[in-house]
C-alpha atoms as a PDB file:
ATOM      1  CA  MET A   1     -44.326 -39.643  13.977  1.00  0.00           C
ATOM      2  CA  PRO A   2     -40.939 -41.259  14.707  1.00  0.00           C
ATOM      3  CA  LEU A   3     -38.350 -39.140  16.518  1.00  0.00           C
ATOM      4  CA  PHE A   4     -34.619 -39.213  15.729  1.00  0.00           C
ATOM      5  CA  MET A   5     -31.435 -37.633  17.079  1.00  0.00           C
ATOM      6  CA  ASP A   6     -28.842 -37.146  14.412  1.00  0.00           C
ATOM      7  CA  VAL A   7     -25.173 -36.695  15.224  1.00  0.00           C
ATOM      8  CA  HIS A   8     -22.609 -34.814  13.175  1.00  0.00           C
ATOM      9  CA  GLU A   9     -19.227 -35.822  14.614  1.00  0.00           C
ATOM     10  CA  LYS A  10     -16.914 -33.151  13.169  1.00  0.00           C
ATOM     11  CA  VAL A  11     -18.229 -30.176  11.201  1.00  0.00           C
ATOM     12  CA  GLU A  12     -15.201 -28.239   9.967  1.00  0.00           C
ATOM     13  CA  GLY A  13     -15.255 -24.517  10.767  1.00  0.00           C
ATOM     14  CA  LEU A  14     -18.339 -24.851  12.992  1.00  0.00           C
ATOM     15  CA  THR A  15     -19.700 -21.575  14.358  1.00  0.00           C
ATOM     16  CA  ALA A  16     -22.977 -20.640  16.017  1.00  0.00           C
ATOM     17  CA  GLU A  17     -23.893 -18.611  12.931  1.00  0.00           C
ATOM     18  CA  ALA A  18     -23.158 -21.499  10.564  1.00  0.00           C
ATOM     19  CA  VAL A  19     -25.296 -23.932  12.583  1.00  0.00           C
ATOM     20  CA  ALA A  20     -28.143 -21.410  12.747  1.00  0.00           C
ATOM     21  CA  GLY A  21     -27.948 -20.965   8.980  1.00  0.00           C
ATOM     22  CA  ALA A  22     -27.993 -24.718   8.349  1.00  0.00           C
ATOM     23  CA  HIS A  23     -30.981 -25.131  10.689  1.00  0.00           C
ATOM     24  CA  LYS A  24     -32.801 -22.325   8.880  1.00  0.00           C
ATOM     25  CA  ALA A  25     -32.166 -24.105   5.569  1.00  0.00           C
ATOM     26  CA  ASP A  26     -33.569 -27.332   7.070  1.00  0.00           C
ATOM     27  CA  LEU A  27     -36.713 -25.484   8.157  1.00  0.00           C
ATOM     28  CA  GLU A  28     -37.145 -24.048   4.668  1.00  0.00           C
ATOM     29  CA  THR A  29     -36.758 -27.498   3.058  1.00  0.00           C
ATOM     30  CA  GLN A  30     -38.479 -29.866   5.501  1.00  0.00           C
ATOM     31  CA  GLY A  31     -42.118 -29.188   4.558  1.00  0.00           C
ATOM     32  CA  ALA A  32     -41.796 -30.918   1.210  1.00  0.00           C
ATOM     33  CA  TYR A  33     -40.826 -34.147   2.997  1.00  0.00           C
ATOM     34  CA  GLY A  34     -43.117 -34.197   6.048  1.00  0.00           C
ATOM     35  CA  VAL A  35     -40.151 -33.634   8.378  1.00  0.00           C
ATOM     36  CA  ASN A  36     -39.894 -31.379  11.445  1.00  0.00           C
ATOM     37  CA  TYR A  37     -36.396 -30.388  12.586  1.00  0.00           C
ATOM     38  CA  LYS A  38     -37.285 -29.419  16.160  1.00  0.00           C
ATOM     39  CA  GLN A  39     -34.084 -28.326  17.879  1.00  0.00           C
ATOM     40  CA  TYR A  40     -30.309 -28.550  17.684  1.00  0.00           C
ATOM     41  CA  TRP A  41     -27.318 -28.453  20.018  1.00  0.00           C
ATOM     42  CA  PHE A  42     -23.670 -27.923  19.144  1.00  0.00           C
ATOM     43  CA  ASP A  43     -20.155 -27.584  20.506  1.00  0.00           C
ATOM     44  CA  GLU A  44     -17.904 -25.274  18.509  1.00  0.00           C
ATOM     45  CA  ALA A  45     -14.710 -26.655  20.071  1.00  0.00           C
ATOM     46  CA  SER A  46     -15.306 -30.246  18.965  1.00  0.00           C
ATOM     47  CA  GLY A  47     -17.365 -29.509  15.840  1.00  0.00           C
ATOM     48  CA  LYS A  48     -20.187 -31.766  17.079  1.00  0.00           C
ATOM     49  CA  VAL A  49     -23.816 -31.043  16.233  1.00  0.00           C
ATOM     50  CA  PHE A  50     -26.947 -32.871  17.411  1.00  0.00           C
ATOM     51  CA  CYS A  51     -30.343 -32.405  15.734  1.00  0.00           C
ATOM     52  CA  LEU A  52     -33.706 -33.576  17.066  1.00  0.00           C
ATOM     53  CA  VAL A  53     -36.071 -34.353  14.211  1.00  0.00           C
ATOM     54  CA  GLU A  54     -39.482 -35.857  13.613  1.00  0.00           C
ATOM     55  CA  ALA A  55     -39.490 -37.717  10.313  1.00  0.00           C
ATOM     56  CA  PRO A  56     -41.209 -40.634   8.617  1.00  0.00           C
ATOM     57  CA  ASP A  57     -37.828 -42.439   8.667  1.00  0.00           C
ATOM     58  CA  ALA A  58     -34.102 -41.770   9.023  1.00  0.00           C
ATOM     59  CA  GLU A  59     -33.552 -41.671   5.260  1.00  0.00           C
ATOM     60  CA  THR A  60     -36.063 -38.854   4.819  1.00  0.00           C
ATOM     61  CA  ALA A  61     -34.470 -36.825   7.630  1.00  0.00           C
ATOM     62  CA  THR A  62     -31.094 -37.274   5.920  1.00  0.00           C
ATOM     63  CA  ARG A  63     -32.566 -36.236   2.576  1.00  0.00           C
ATOM     64  CA  VAL A  64     -33.635 -32.874   4.040  1.00  0.00           C
ATOM     65  CA  HIS A  65     -30.103 -32.210   5.367  1.00  0.00           C
ATOM     66  CA  ARG A  66     -28.568 -33.221   2.034  1.00  0.00           C
ATOM     67  CA  GLU A  67     -30.875 -30.985   0.014  1.00  0.00           C
ATOM     68  CA  ALA A  68     -30.841 -28.048   2.435  1.00  0.00           C
ATOM     69  CA  HIS A  69     -27.079 -27.684   2.972  1.00  0.00           C
ATOM     70  CA  GLY A  70     -25.244 -30.925   2.227  1.00  0.00           C
ATOM     71  CA  LEU A  71     -24.141 -31.618   5.805  1.00  0.00           C
ATOM     72  CA  VAL A  72     -25.463 -35.117   6.409  1.00  0.00           C
ATOM     73  CA  ALA A  73     -25.194 -36.695   9.851  1.00  0.00           C
ATOM     74  CA  ASP A  74     -22.718 -39.423  10.758  1.00  0.00           C
ATOM     75  CA  ALA A  75     -25.491 -41.257  12.651  1.00  0.00           C
ATOM     76  CA  VAL A  76     -29.278 -41.021  12.849  1.00  0.00           C
ATOM     77  CA  ILE A  77     -30.603 -42.691  15.998  1.00  0.00           C
ATOM     78  CA  PRO A  78     -34.257 -43.449  16.762  1.00  0.00           C
ATOM     79  CA  VAL A  79     -35.153 -41.992  20.177  1.00  0.00           C
ATOM     80  CA  GLN A  80     -38.153 -41.689  22.465  1.00  0.00           C
ATOM     81  CA  GLU A  81     -38.967 -38.675  24.591  1.00  0.00           C
ATOM     82  CA  GLY A  82     -38.610 -39.255  28.338  1.00  0.00           C
ATOM     83  CA  HIS A  83     -40.887 -37.823  30.953  1.00  0.00           C
END
């Protein structure tokens, strides 16, 4: 399945708890779309969030974010895992 890194450039009021809650909502929503939100990273100071996701395509990954919590990424980039 294709792998993507999505980038949220500036999430207002970003906290560790808020990101954890959004990720939990993604996990609860993703099954209906064949998506697997694997991991996320964030920086509270800048408001940046990065999500690693397996999805059929970028649009489907975005659909899960939109439905789960409404915080869609500014960019969704196809990536490959390095060894």
